[in-house]
Amino acid sequence: MIPELDSDGNLPPGIHDATWEEISAAFGQNPLRQKLLKGLLEAARALKQAGCSTLYIDGSFVTTKDHPGDFDGCWEPAGVDPARLDPVLLDFSNRRFAQKVKYGGELFVSSAQAEAQPPHRTFLDFFQTDKSTGQPKGIIALDLRRLS
């Protein structure tokens, strides 16, 4: 279930489980957001096909921002068959251009290092911090095993 967003427009700290239907209802309120949802669903299905169990969704897409530029997120690598994974999801070149073109957003491996400098957080940890304020914030977890 997706909790109410805080006064800064963010999810409260933590990882919040949500269904695809809940994500669509909460964050699909205009044509731009619906377009981003379509790309996110395509990426989620590609990850599911490769054996991924969980997709974490972050970025301005899961805030009150009316017109987010894209979505951001990361995915659990456990159980993923690299031979079945869309290679675009591992293409981080040119500021993730291929991912943005194909899916409309950027997705990273959750356990990969997000920062070159200390504290060397993983993307899963990195996405749970508001980059403007440094304060903790929440992200959405989508169970891909339940995605149709």
Protein backbone atom coordinates (compact mmCIF):
# COMPACT_ATOMS: atom_id res chain seq x y z
CA MET A 1 0.00 0.00 0.00
CA ILE A 2 1.28 3.45 -0.86
CA PRO A 3 1.21 5.81 2.13
CA GLU A 4 0.37 9.48 2.00
CA LEU A 5 3.24 11.66 0.75
CA ASP A 6 4.87 14.02 3.24
CA SER A 7 4.92 17.83 3.15
CA ASP A 8 7.99 17.75 0.85
CA GLY A 9 6.07 15.57 -1.63
CA ASN A 10 8.08 12.42 -0.82
CA LEU A 11 7.08 9.02 0.44
CA PRO A 12 7.75 8.57 4.16
CA PRO A 13 11.02 6.72 4.89
CA GLY A 14 11.07 3.02 4.17
CA ILE A 15 10.32 0.56 1.41
CA HIS A 16 6.60 0.51 0.63
CA ASP A 17 5.14 -2.55 -1.09
CA ALA A 18 2.59 -1.73 -3.77
CA THR A 19 0.76 -3.48 -6.57
CA TRP A 20 0.91 -2.25 -10.15
CA GLU A 21 -2.69 -1.09 -9.80
CA GLU A 22 -1.83 0.98 -6.72
CA ILE A 23 1.18 2.54 -8.47
CA SER A 24 -0.91 3.42 -11.53
CA ALA A 25 -3.67 4.96 -9.42
CA ALA A 26 -1.29 6.97 -7.23
CA PHE A 27 1.11 8.23 -9.90
CA GLY A 28 -0.72 8.16 -13.24
CA GLN A 29 -2.77 11.34 -12.96
CA ASN A 30 -1.80 13.05 -16.22
CA PRO A 31 -0.75 12.11 -19.79
CA LEU A 32 2.99 12.49 -19.11
CA ARG A 33 2.81 10.27 -16.04
CA GLN A 34 0.73 7.72 -17.97
CA LYS A 35 3.41 7.64 -20.68
CA LEU A 36 6.08 7.07 -18.02
CA LEU A 37 3.94 4.32 -16.48
CA LYS A 38 3.75 2.59 -19.85
CA GLY A 39 7.56 2.53 -20.13
CA LEU A 40 7.95 1.45 -16.52
CA LEU A 41 5.54 -1.44 -17.11
CA GLU A 42 7.51 -2.54 -20.18
CA ALA A 43 10.74 -2.49 -18.15
CA ALA A 44 9.07 -4.35 -15.27
CA ARG A 45 7.84 -7.06 -17.63
CA ALA A 46 11.30 -7.38 -19.20
CA LEU A 47 12.82 -7.81 -15.74
CA LYS A 48 10.17 -10.33 -14.73
CA GLN A 49 10.82 -12.38 -17.89
CA ALA A 50 14.50 -12.58 -16.90
CA GLY A 51 13.60 -13.85 -13.42
CA CYS A 52 13.75 -10.64 -11.40
CA SER A 53 11.51 -10.69 -8.33
CA THR A 54 11.50 -7.06 -7.16
CA LEU A 55 11.65 -3.64 -8.78
CA TYR A 56 12.18 -0.58 -6.56
CA ILE A 57 10.76 2.67 -7.93
CA ASP A 58 12.12 6.08 -7.01
CA GLY A 59 12.73 9.52 -8.39
CA SER A 60 10.45 12.46 -8.93
CA PHE A 61 7.99 9.99 -10.44
CA VAL A 62 6.97 8.83 -6.94
CA THR A 63 6.52 12.37 -5.62
CA THR A 64 3.88 15.07 -5.99
CA LYS A 65 5.76 16.62 -8.92
CA ASP A 66 3.24 17.14 -11.75
CA HIS A 67 5.71 16.63 -14.59
CA PRO A 68 8.58 14.33 -13.63
CA GLY A 69 11.30 14.03 -16.23
CA ASP A 70 11.47 10.26 -15.95
CA PHE A 71 11.42 7.47 -13.39
CA ASP A 72 14.38 6.03 -11.52
CA GLY A 73 14.75 2.75 -9.77
CA CYS A 74 16.70 -0.39 -9.16
CA TRP A 75 16.07 -4.10 -9.30
CA GLU A 76 17.06 -7.21 -7.38
CA PRO A 77 19.62 -9.27 -9.31
CA ALA A 78 19.06 -12.54 -7.39
CA GLY A 79 17.54 -15.12 -9.72
CA VAL A 80 17.99 -13.04 -12.88
CA ASP A 81 19.12 -15.00 -15.93
CA PRO A 82 21.53 -12.67 -17.80
CA ALA A 83 20.79 -14.50 -21.06
CA ARG A 84 17.12 -13.51 -20.77
CA LEU A 85 17.73 -9.94 -19.57
CA ASP A 86 17.22 -7.09 -22.01
CA PRO A 87 20.81 -5.80 -22.56
CA VAL A 88 19.48 -2.24 -22.50
CA LEU A 89 18.90 -2.69 -18.76
CA LEU A 90 22.65 -3.12 -18.32
CA ASP A 91 23.64 -0.27 -20.63
CA PHE A 92 24.69 2.64 -18.43
CA SER A 93 26.66 4.45 -21.14
CA ASN A 94 25.93 7.99 -22.27
CA ARG A 95 23.99 8.76 -19.06
CA ARG A 96 21.71 5.73 -19.60
CA PHE A 97 20.50 7.09 -22.93
CA ALA A 98 19.37 3.71 -24.32
CA GLN A 99 17.27 3.01 -21.21
CA LYS A 100 15.66 6.45 -21.38
CA VAL A 101 14.83 6.02 -25.07
CA LYS A 102 13.41 2.51 -24.74
CA TYR A 103 11.68 2.73 -21.36
CA GLY A 104 11.50 6.41 -20.40
CA GLY A 105 13.57 6.07 -17.25
CA GLU A 106 16.67 4.68 -15.62
CA LEU A 107 17.04 1.42 -13.73
CA PHE A 108 20.10 0.13 -11.89
CA VAL A 109 21.06 -3.11 -10.16
CA SER A 110 20.02 -2.65 -6.52
CA SER A 111 23.24 -4.03 -5.07
CA ALA A 112 25.54 -2.00 -7.34
CA GLN A 113 27.58 0.83 -5.85
CA ALA A 114 25.86 4.15 -6.49
CA GLU A 115 28.64 6.44 -5.31
CA ALA A 116 32.32 6.63 -6.19
CA GLN A 117 33.11 8.47 -2.94
CA PRO A 118 32.33 7.31 0.63
CA PRO A 119 29.95 6.19 1.99
CA HIS A 120 29.73 3.96 -1.15
CA ARG A 121 26.02 3.19 -0.77
CA THR A 122 24.21 0.72 -3.00
CA PHE A 123 21.48 2.04 -5.28
CA LEU A 124 18.87 0.56 -2.94
CA ASP A 125 20.25 2.69 -0.10
CA PHE A 126 21.06 5.71 -2.27
CA PHE A 127 17.48 5.99 -3.53
CA GLN A 128 16.20 6.19 0.04
CA THR A 129 17.81 9.60 0.60
CA ASP A 130 16.44 12.90 -0.69
CA LYS A 131 19.29 14.30 -2.79
CA SER A 132 18.20 17.90 -2.08
CA THR A 133 17.94 17.67 1.70
CA GLY A 134 19.91 14.52 2.62
CA GLN A 135 16.91 13.35 4.65
CA PRO A 136 15.56 9.79 4.49
CA LYS A 137 12.66 9.17 2.13
CA GLY A 138 10.70 6.22 0.88
CA ILE A 139 10.64 4.16 -2.28
CA ILE A 140 8.13 1.74 -3.78
CA ALA A 141 8.73 -2.03 -4.04
CA LEU A 142 6.87 -3.84 -6.81
CA ASP A 143 6.73 -7.64 -6.51
CA LEU A 144 7.27 -8.68 -10.14
CA ARG A 145 6.09 -12.23 -9.42
CA ARG A 146 2.57 -10.79 -9.04
CA LEU A 147 2.77 -8.64 -12.18
CA SER A 148 0.66 -9.77 -15.11
